[in-house]
Amino acid sequence: MTALPENWEGSKKILVIMAHPDDPEFFCGATLARWSSAGHSIAYYLLTRGDKGSQDHAVSPQDLAAKRVVEQEAAAAELGIHSVQFLSYPDGYLVADLALRRDIVRIIRKERPEIVVSSDPMNIYSDNGVNHPDHRTAGQAVLDAIFPASGNYFFFPELLVEGLTPHSVKELWFSIPSAATVNVTVDVTEHWEQKIKALRQHKSQIGDPDKLEERMRQRKTAGSTAEAPHYEERFHRIVFG
C-alpha cells in the first residue's frame, strides 16, 4: 500500500459530517476506504436524508428519504464504515445558523473524534456548474462548530447539562475543495474499485450504473493509462495547534 500522507500514529477516530446521502462516497469515498482498511474508525453523520434528490414527481419525499437511508447504509458498508447516523434536516434548506452549529457541536462532543471530514464551504462552483448550497452550508457549519465552539466550555452550556464536555478536534479535512485551497492529494488507486462499488449502491441517484462506472474510470490522473490507471482525491487539510 502507498504510504499514507497523513503521518498519523496509531488508529484514529474519524467523523464524517456532510449534507446528503451519497456525499461521502462521491466526494472522498476512496480515501475513506483507504483509511478504513488502515484500521481507522469512521462514523458518518448526514445532516439530511436527501428527500429532494429526485425529479420523479411520482415518488414522495418521505419514500425517497427512506430509500436513500437504506442506500447510504449499504454504500457505507462497502467502505468499511462502522456507523451511519442522520439528523433529518430538510434537504435543500440547510442554513448555517446556531441551531445547526449546536447540533454539530453536540455530535463532536459525543463522538470525540480526532479527525473531522466535511465539504469545502469555499467551493461555490463545481464540475457540473454550481456546488449545491447544502454542501457549502454543511462545511461552514462544521467549521464554525469546531472553532471555536466544540472545545470551549462557554459555548452552548446546555450541552454540559447533557454530560457533553468540550472536545477539541485535531484536524479538519475539507473534501471537494476549491482549486486554490487544495493542500493534500491522496493516492487512492488501490481503493477506486471500492468507491465505485459504494456509489453503485445509490441506485436512486446514479441512473445507469454502467455509465456511472465508465465516468468514474475516466477520472484517472493525467499521464496514467487504461492499463495502469492512477486515481487521486484532493482535500484542504487544516491542522489545529
C-alpha atoms as a PDB file:
ATOM      1  CA  MET A   1       0.000   0.000   0.000  1.00  0.00           C
ATOM      2  CA  THR A   2       1.194   3.519  -0.785  1.00  0.00           C
ATOM      3  CA  ALA A   3       2.461   5.303   2.323  1.00  0.00           C
ATOM      4  CA  LEU A   4      -0.193   7.451   3.940  1.00  0.00           C
ATOM      5  CA  PRO A   5       0.496  11.198   3.628  1.00  0.00           C
ATOM      6  CA  GLU A   6      -1.259  11.920   6.934  1.00  0.00           C
ATOM      7  CA  ASN A   7       1.638  10.916   9.206  1.00  0.00           C
ATOM      8  CA  TRP A   8      -0.818   9.665  11.825  1.00  0.00           C
ATOM      9  CA  GLU A   9       0.400   7.436  14.620  1.00  0.00           C
ATOM     10  CA  GLY A  10      -1.955   4.662  15.680  1.00  0.00           C
ATOM     11  CA  SER A  11      -5.649   4.275  14.947  1.00  0.00           C
ATOM     12  CA  LYS A  12      -7.688   7.463  14.649  1.00  0.00           C
ATOM     13  CA  LYS A  13     -11.362   8.180  15.206  1.00  0.00           C
ATOM     14  CA  ILE A  14     -12.725   9.931  12.122  1.00  0.00           C
ATOM     15  CA  LEU A  15     -16.082  11.687  11.910  1.00  0.00           C
ATOM     16  CA  VAL A  16     -17.627  12.486   8.515  1.00  0.00           C
ATOM     17  CA  ILE A  17     -20.282  15.229   8.607  1.00  0.00           C
ATOM     18  CA  MET A  18     -21.891  16.037   5.270  1.00  0.00           C
ATOM     19  CA  ALA A  19     -25.203  17.185   3.873  1.00  0.00           C
ATOM     20  CA  HIS A  20     -26.704  14.283   1.930  1.00  0.00           C
ATOM     21  CA  PRO A  21     -26.648  10.531   1.482  1.00  0.00           C
ATOM     22  CA  ASP A  22     -24.042   9.794  -1.235  1.00  0.00           C
ATOM     23  CA  ASP A  23     -21.911  12.882  -0.465  1.00  0.00           C
ATOM     24  CA  PRO A  24     -19.187  10.904   1.352  1.00  0.00           C
ATOM     25  CA  GLU A  25     -18.883   8.371  -1.451  1.00  0.00           C
ATOM     26  CA  PHE A  26     -18.832  10.899  -4.282  1.00  0.00           C
ATOM     27  CA  PHE A  27     -16.556  13.396  -2.541  1.00  0.00           C
ATOM     28  CA  CYS A  28     -13.974  11.156  -0.895  1.00  0.00           C
ATOM     29  CA  GLY A  29     -15.159   7.544  -0.858  1.00  0.00           C
ATOM     30  CA  ALA A  30     -11.843   6.055  -1.923  1.00  0.00           C
ATOM     31  CA  THR A  31      -9.980   7.941   0.800  1.00  0.00           C
ATOM     32  CA  LEU A  32     -12.471   6.730   3.393  1.00  0.00           C
ATOM     33  CA  ALA A  33     -11.961   3.166   2.147  1.00  0.00           C
ATOM     34  CA  ARG A  34      -8.225   3.668   2.415  1.00  0.00           C
ATOM     35  CA  TRP A  35      -8.491   4.921   5.983  1.00  0.00           C
ATOM     36  CA  SER A  36     -10.851   2.142   6.980  1.00  0.00           C
ATOM     37  CA  SER A  37      -8.541  -0.506   5.564  1.00  0.00           C
ATOM     38  CA  ALA A  38      -5.667   1.063   7.524  1.00  0.00           C
ATOM     39  CA  GLY A  39      -7.555   0.429  10.781  1.00  0.00           C
ATOM     40  CA  HIS A  40      -9.064   3.845  11.460  1.00  0.00           C
ATOM     41  CA  SER A  41     -12.610   4.024  12.869  1.00  0.00           C
ATOM     42  CA  ILE A  42     -15.026   6.075  10.737  1.00  0.00           C
ATOM     43  CA  ALA A  43     -18.561   7.240  11.516  1.00  0.00           C
ATOM     44  CA  TYR A  44     -20.960   9.176   9.287  1.00  0.00           C
ATOM     45  CA  TYR A  45     -23.426  11.864  10.279  1.00  0.00           C
ATOM     46  CA  LEU A  46     -25.577  13.079   7.388  1.00  0.00           C
ATOM     47  CA  LEU A  47     -27.447  16.311   8.056  1.00  0.00           C
ATOM     48  CA  THR A  48     -30.366  15.441   5.735  1.00  0.00           C
ATOM     49  CA  ARG A  49     -31.933  12.292   4.332  1.00  0.00           C
ATOM     50  CA  GLY A  50     -31.872  13.602   0.769  1.00  0.00           C
ATOM     51  CA  ASP A  51     -35.641  13.961   0.435  1.00  0.00           C
ATOM     52  CA  LYS A  52     -35.385  16.259  -2.622  1.00  0.00           C
ATOM     53  CA  GLY A  53     -32.876  14.197  -4.587  1.00  0.00           C
ATOM     54  CA  SER A  54     -35.191  13.298  -7.467  1.00  0.00           C
ATOM     55  CA  GLN A  55     -37.113  14.811 -10.380  1.00  0.00           C
ATOM     56  CA  ASP A  56     -39.655  11.978 -10.251  1.00  0.00           C
ATOM     57  CA  HIS A  57     -42.934  13.547  -9.109  1.00  0.00           C
ATOM     58  CA  ALA A  58     -44.436  10.116  -8.541  1.00  0.00           C
ATOM     59  CA  VAL A  59     -42.234   9.441  -5.521  1.00  0.00           C
ATOM     60  CA  SER A  60     -42.969  11.139  -2.208  1.00  0.00           C
ATOM     61  CA  PRO A  61     -40.163  12.925  -0.341  1.00  0.00           C
ATOM     62  CA  GLN A  62     -40.752  10.586   2.595  1.00  0.00           C
ATOM     63  CA  ASP A  63     -40.384   7.446   0.475  1.00  0.00           C
ATOM     64  CA  LEU A  64     -37.337   8.848  -1.295  1.00  0.00           C
ATOM     65  CA  ALA A  65     -35.678   9.690   2.028  1.00  0.00           C
ATOM     66  CA  ALA A  66     -36.361   6.201   3.375  1.00  0.00           C
ATOM     67  CA  LYS A  67     -34.857   4.654   0.249  1.00  0.00           C
ATOM     68  CA  ARG A  68     -31.787   6.848   0.429  1.00  0.00           C
ATOM     69  CA  VAL A  69     -31.159   5.880   4.049  1.00  0.00           C
ATOM     70  CA  VAL A  70     -31.016   2.226   3.020  1.00  0.00           C
ATOM     71  CA  GLU A  71     -28.779   3.053   0.068  1.00  0.00           C
ATOM     72  CA  GLN A  72     -26.421   5.056   2.262  1.00  0.00           C
ATOM     73  CA  GLU A  73     -26.091   2.277   4.798  1.00  0.00           C
ATOM     74  CA  ALA A  74     -25.261  -0.194   2.015  1.00  0.00           C
ATOM     75  CA  ALA A  75     -22.724   2.186   0.470  1.00  0.00           C
ATOM     76  CA  ALA A  76     -21.042   2.815   3.824  1.00  0.00           C
ATOM     77  CA  ALA A  77     -20.748  -0.923   4.391  1.00  0.00           C
ATOM     78  CA  GLU A  78     -18.795  -1.223   1.112  1.00  0.00           C
ATOM     79  CA  LEU A  79     -16.213   1.190   2.548  1.00  0.00           C
ATOM     80  CA  GLY A  80     -15.978  -0.393   5.998  1.00  0.00           C
ATOM     81  CA  ILE A  81     -17.802   2.411   7.811  1.00  0.00           C
ATOM     82  CA  HIS A  82     -18.992   1.276  11.236  1.00  0.00           C
ATOM     83  CA  SER A  83     -21.820   3.757  11.913  1.00  0.00           C
ATOM     84  CA  VAL A  84     -24.244   5.916   9.891  1.00  0.00           C
ATOM     85  CA  GLN A  85     -26.484   8.489  11.570  1.00  0.00           C
ATOM     86  CA  PHE A  86     -28.940  11.056  10.164  1.00  0.00           C
ATOM     87  CA  LEU A  87     -30.008  14.397  11.634  1.00  0.00           C
ATOM     88  CA  SER A  88     -33.037  14.703   9.285  1.00  0.00           C
ATOM     89  CA  TYR A  89     -32.824  18.397   8.466  1.00  0.00           C
ATOM     90  CA  PRO A  90     -34.894  19.160   5.328  1.00  0.00           C
ATOM     91  CA  ASP A  91     -32.893  18.587   2.162  1.00  0.00           C
ATOM     92  CA  GLY A  92     -32.057  21.806   0.338  1.00  0.00           C
ATOM     93  CA  TYR A  93     -32.917  24.066   3.259  1.00  0.00           C
ATOM     94  CA  LEU A  94     -29.733  23.863   5.336  1.00  0.00           C
ATOM     95  CA  VAL A  95     -28.732  27.132   6.988  1.00  0.00           C
ATOM     96  CA  ALA A  96     -25.531  27.592   8.984  1.00  0.00           C
ATOM     97  CA  ASP A  97     -27.382  29.007  11.975  1.00  0.00           C
ATOM     98  CA  LEU A  98     -26.873  28.498  15.700  1.00  0.00           C
ATOM     99  CA  ALA A  99     -29.281  25.559  15.839  1.00  0.00           C
ATOM    100  CA  LEU A 100     -27.269  23.586  13.277  1.00  0.00           C
ATOM    101  CA  ARG A 101     -23.995  24.644  14.881  1.00  0.00           C
ATOM    102  CA  ARG A 102     -25.221  23.426  18.268  1.00  0.00           C
ATOM    103  CA  ASP A 103     -26.263  20.085  16.794  1.00  0.00           C
ATOM    104  CA  ILE A 104     -22.833  19.624  15.241  1.00  0.00           C
ATOM    105  CA  VAL A 105     -21.073  20.600  18.466  1.00  0.00           C
ATOM    106  CA  ARG A 106     -23.260  18.021  20.213  1.00  0.00           C
ATOM    107  CA  ILE A 107     -22.133  15.357  17.730  1.00  0.00           C
ATOM    108  CA  ILE A 108     -18.464  16.270  18.089  1.00  0.00           C
ATOM    109  CA  ARG A 109     -18.613  16.244  21.886  1.00  0.00           C
ATOM    110  CA  LYS A 110     -20.459  12.927  21.846  1.00  0.00           C
ATOM    111  CA  GLU A 111     -18.218  11.156  19.304  1.00  0.00           C
ATOM    112  CA  ARG A 112     -14.941  12.888  20.333  1.00  0.00           C
ATOM    113  CA  PRO A 113     -13.097  12.373  17.032  1.00  0.00           C
ATOM    114  CA  GLU A 114      -9.542  13.372  16.307  1.00  0.00           C
ATOM    115  CA  ILE A 115     -10.330  13.972  12.626  1.00  0.00           C
ATOM    116  CA  VAL A 116     -13.426  15.531  11.051  1.00  0.00           C
ATOM    117  CA  VAL A 117     -14.223  15.405   7.327  1.00  0.00           C
ATOM    118  CA  SER A 118     -16.723  17.689   5.617  1.00  0.00           C
ATOM    119  CA  SER A 119     -17.160  19.610   2.346  1.00  0.00           C
ATOM    120  CA  ASP A 120     -15.409  22.856   1.467  1.00  0.00           C
ATOM    121  CA  PRO A 121     -17.649  25.893   2.112  1.00  0.00           C
ATOM    122  CA  MET A 122     -15.483  27.988  -0.216  1.00  0.00           C
ATOM    123  CA  ASN A 123     -16.182  25.826  -3.266  1.00  0.00           C
ATOM    124  CA  ILE A 124     -19.048  27.653  -4.975  1.00  0.00           C
ATOM    125  CA  TYR A 125     -18.541  26.217  -8.456  1.00  0.00           C
ATOM    126  CA  SER A 126     -18.182  22.539  -9.337  1.00  0.00           C
ATOM    127  CA  ASP A 127     -17.544  20.469 -12.461  1.00  0.00           C
ATOM    128  CA  ASN A 128     -21.288  20.425 -13.037  1.00  0.00           C
ATOM    129  CA  GLY A 129     -21.712  24.178 -12.736  1.00  0.00           C
ATOM    130  CA  VAL A 130     -22.660  25.282  -9.221  1.00  0.00           C
ATOM    131  CA  ASN A 131     -21.936  23.430  -5.992  1.00  0.00           C
ATOM    132  CA  HIS A 132     -25.090  22.584  -4.038  1.00  0.00           C
ATOM    133  CA  PRO A 133     -25.739  25.170  -1.286  1.00  0.00           C
ATOM    134  CA  ASP A 134     -26.250  22.376   1.265  1.00  0.00           C
ATOM    135  CA  HIS A 135     -22.677  21.191   0.629  1.00  0.00           C
ATOM    136  CA  ARG A 136     -21.301  24.659   1.327  1.00  0.00           C
ATOM    137  CA  THR A 137     -23.569  25.155   4.322  1.00  0.00           C
ATOM    138  CA  ALA A 138     -22.555  21.839   5.864  1.00  0.00           C
ATOM    139  CA  GLY A 139     -18.884  22.747   5.616  1.00  0.00           C
ATOM    140  CA  GLN A 140     -19.426  26.217   7.066  1.00  0.00           C
ATOM    141  CA  ALA A 141     -21.453  24.870   9.982  1.00  0.00           C
ATOM    142  CA  VAL A 142     -18.836  22.205  10.700  1.00  0.00           C
ATOM    143  CA  LEU A 143     -16.035  24.769  10.615  1.00  0.00           C
ATOM    144  CA  ASP A 144     -17.911  27.096  12.974  1.00  0.00           C
ATOM    145  CA  ALA A 145     -18.702  24.206  15.323  1.00  0.00           C
ATOM    146  CA  ILE A 146     -15.094  23.058  15.504  1.00  0.00           C
ATOM    147  CA  PHE A 147     -13.647  26.513  16.020  1.00  0.00           C
ATOM    148  CA  PRO A 148     -14.201  27.929  18.460  1.00  0.00           C
ATOM    149  CA  ALA A 149     -17.260  26.186  19.869  1.00  0.00           C
ATOM    150  CA  SER A 150     -16.679  22.460  20.402  1.00  0.00           C
ATOM    151  CA  GLY A 151     -13.658  22.839  22.651  1.00  0.00           C
ATOM    152  CA  ASN A 152     -14.865  25.802  24.716  1.00  0.00           C
ATOM    153  CA  TYR A 153     -16.892  25.461  27.933  1.00  0.00           C
ATOM    154  CA  PHE A 154     -18.628  28.761  27.382  1.00  0.00           C
ATOM    155  CA  PHE A 155     -20.275  27.737  24.108  1.00  0.00           C
ATOM    156  CA  PHE A 156     -23.663  26.025  24.418  1.00  0.00           C
ATOM    157  CA  PRO A 157     -23.623  25.422  28.190  1.00  0.00           C
ATOM    158  CA  GLU A 158     -26.859  23.474  27.770  1.00  0.00           C
ATOM    159  CA  LEU A 159     -24.726  20.674  26.318  1.00  0.00           C
ATOM    160  CA  LEU A 160     -22.873  20.435  29.626  1.00  0.00           C
ATOM    161  CA  VAL A 161     -26.217  19.552  31.226  1.00  0.00           C
ATOM    162  CA  GLU A 162     -26.395  16.662  28.741  1.00  0.00           C
ATOM    163  CA  GLY A 163     -22.996  15.489  30.004  1.00  0.00           C
ATOM    164  CA  LEU A 164     -21.211  16.594  26.830  1.00  0.00           C
ATOM    165  CA  THR A 165     -17.966  18.229  27.848  1.00  0.00           C
ATOM    166  CA  PRO A 166     -15.779  20.221  25.432  1.00  0.00           C
ATOM    167  CA  HIS A 167     -13.701  18.364  22.892  1.00  0.00           C
ATOM    168  CA  SER A 168     -11.069  19.826  20.556  1.00  0.00           C
ATOM    169  CA  VAL A 169     -10.673  18.314  17.096  1.00  0.00           C
ATOM    170  CA  LYS A 170      -7.101  17.895  15.906  1.00  0.00           C
ATOM    171  CA  GLU A 171      -7.693  18.043  12.143  1.00  0.00           C
ATOM    172  CA  LEU A 172     -10.395  19.107   9.682  1.00  0.00           C
ATOM    173  CA  TRP A 173     -10.339  17.752   6.130  1.00  0.00           C
ATOM    174  CA  PHE A 174     -12.481  19.558   3.549  1.00  0.00           C
ATOM    175  CA  SER A 175     -13.366  17.388   0.555  1.00  0.00           C
ATOM    176  CA  ILE A 176     -14.133  18.821  -2.909  1.00  0.00           C
ATOM    177  CA  PRO A 177     -12.010  21.885  -2.151  1.00  0.00           C
ATOM    178  CA  SER A 178     -11.702  24.841  -4.470  1.00  0.00           C
ATOM    179  CA  ALA A 179      -8.573  24.584  -6.604  1.00  0.00           C
ATOM    180  CA  ALA A 180      -6.899  27.412  -4.715  1.00  0.00           C
ATOM    181  CA  THR A 181      -7.153  25.671  -1.337  1.00  0.00           C
ATOM    182  CA  VAL A 182      -6.010  22.112  -2.153  1.00  0.00           C
ATOM    183  CA  ASN A 183      -3.083  21.232   0.098  1.00  0.00           C
ATOM    184  CA  VAL A 184      -3.301  17.426   0.324  1.00  0.00           C
ATOM    185  CA  THR A 185      -3.559  14.919  -2.503  1.00  0.00           C
ATOM    186  CA  VAL A 186      -4.238  11.303  -1.551  1.00  0.00           C
ATOM    187  CA  ASP A 187      -3.321   8.384  -3.812  1.00  0.00           C
ATOM    188  CA  VAL A 188      -6.482   6.246  -3.829  1.00  0.00           C
ATOM    189  CA  THR A 189      -5.738   4.000  -6.790  1.00  0.00           C
ATOM    190  CA  GLU A 190      -5.929   0.842  -4.675  1.00  0.00           C
ATOM    191  CA  HIS A 191      -9.388   1.794  -3.389  1.00  0.00           C
ATOM    192  CA  TRP A 192     -11.046   3.211  -6.507  1.00  0.00           C
ATOM    193  CA  GLU A 193     -12.930  -0.043  -7.079  1.00  0.00           C
ATOM    194  CA  GLN A 194     -14.378   0.177  -3.570  1.00  0.00           C
ATOM    195  CA  LYS A 195     -15.537   3.721  -4.292  1.00  0.00           C
ATOM    196  CA  ILE A 196     -17.303   2.562  -7.442  1.00  0.00           C
ATOM    197  CA  LYS A 197     -18.962  -0.339  -5.616  1.00  0.00           C
ATOM    198  CA  ALA A 198     -20.171   2.048  -2.922  1.00  0.00           C
ATOM    199  CA  LEU A 199     -21.521   4.527  -5.473  1.00  0.00           C
ATOM    200  CA  ARG A 200     -23.452   1.779  -7.235  1.00  0.00           C
ATOM    201  CA  GLN A 201     -25.472   1.325  -4.033  1.00  0.00           C
ATOM    202  CA  HIS A 202     -27.011   4.789  -4.531  1.00  0.00           C
ATOM    203  CA  LYS A 203     -29.432   3.484  -7.140  1.00  0.00           C
ATOM    204  CA  SER A 204     -31.897   6.356  -6.782  1.00  0.00           C
ATOM    205  CA  GLN A 205     -29.176   8.876  -7.660  1.00  0.00           C
ATOM    206  CA  ILE A 206     -26.892   7.421 -10.311  1.00  0.00           C
ATOM    207  CA  GLY A 207     -29.141   6.489 -13.229  1.00  0.00           C
ATOM    208  CA  ASP A 208     -27.392   3.922 -15.422  1.00  0.00           C
ATOM    209  CA  PRO A 209     -24.806   2.275 -13.124  1.00  0.00           C
ATOM    210  CA  ASP A 210     -22.632   1.156 -16.028  1.00  0.00           C
ATOM    211  CA  LYS A 211     -22.410   4.706 -17.350  1.00  0.00           C
ATOM    212  CA  LEU A 212     -21.548   5.924 -13.870  1.00  0.00           C
ATOM    213  CA  GLU A 213     -18.778   3.358 -13.645  1.00  0.00           C
ATOM    214  CA  GLU A 214     -17.461   4.454 -17.030  1.00  0.00           C
ATOM    215  CA  ARG A 215     -17.403   8.091 -15.921  1.00  0.00           C
ATOM    216  CA  MET A 216     -15.629   7.221 -12.705  1.00  0.00           C
ATOM    217  CA  ARG A 217     -12.951   5.234 -14.532  1.00  0.00           C
ATOM    218  CA  GLN A 218     -12.311   8.239 -16.758  1.00  0.00           C
ATOM    219  CA  ARG A 219     -11.258  10.277 -13.719  1.00  0.00           C
ATOM    220  CA  LYS A 220      -7.748   8.848 -13.757  1.00  0.00           C
ATOM    221  CA  THR A 221      -4.924  11.343 -13.423  1.00  0.00           C
ATOM    222  CA  ALA A 222      -3.151  12.842 -16.401  1.00  0.00           C
ATOM    223  CA  GLY A 223      -0.383  10.574 -17.581  1.00  0.00           C
ATOM    224  CA  SER A 224      -1.934   7.349 -16.333  1.00  0.00           C
ATOM    225  CA  THR A 225      -3.325   4.834 -18.813  1.00  0.00           C
ATOM    226  CA  ALA A 226      -6.245   2.428 -19.071  1.00  0.00           C
ATOM    227  CA  GLU A 227      -3.792  -0.390 -18.389  1.00  0.00           C
ATOM    228  CA  ALA A 228      -2.218   1.386 -15.407  1.00  0.00           C
ATOM    229  CA  PRO A 229      -4.759   3.925 -14.117  1.00  0.00           C
ATOM    230  CA  HIS A 230      -3.957   6.222 -11.227  1.00  0.00           C
ATOM    231  CA  TYR A 231      -6.599   7.959  -9.106  1.00  0.00           C
ATOM    232  CA  GLU A 232      -6.401  10.728  -6.529  1.00  0.00           C
ATOM    233  CA  GLU A 233      -8.699  12.604  -4.158  1.00  0.00           C
ATOM    234  CA  ARG A 234      -7.887  16.125  -3.019  1.00  0.00           C
ATOM    235  CA  PHE A 235      -8.519  17.970   0.230  1.00  0.00           C
ATOM    236  CA  HIS A 236      -7.965  21.180   2.111  1.00  0.00           C
ATOM    237  CA  ARG A 237      -6.486  19.958   5.393  1.00  0.00           C
ATOM    238  CA  ILE A 238      -6.484  22.146   8.495  1.00  0.00           C
ATOM    239  CA  VAL A 239      -4.343  21.030  11.449  1.00  0.00           C
ATOM    240  CA  PHE A 240      -5.231  22.799  14.682  1.00  0.00           C
ATOM    241  CA  GLY A 241      -2.421  23.735  17.030  1.00  0.00           C
END
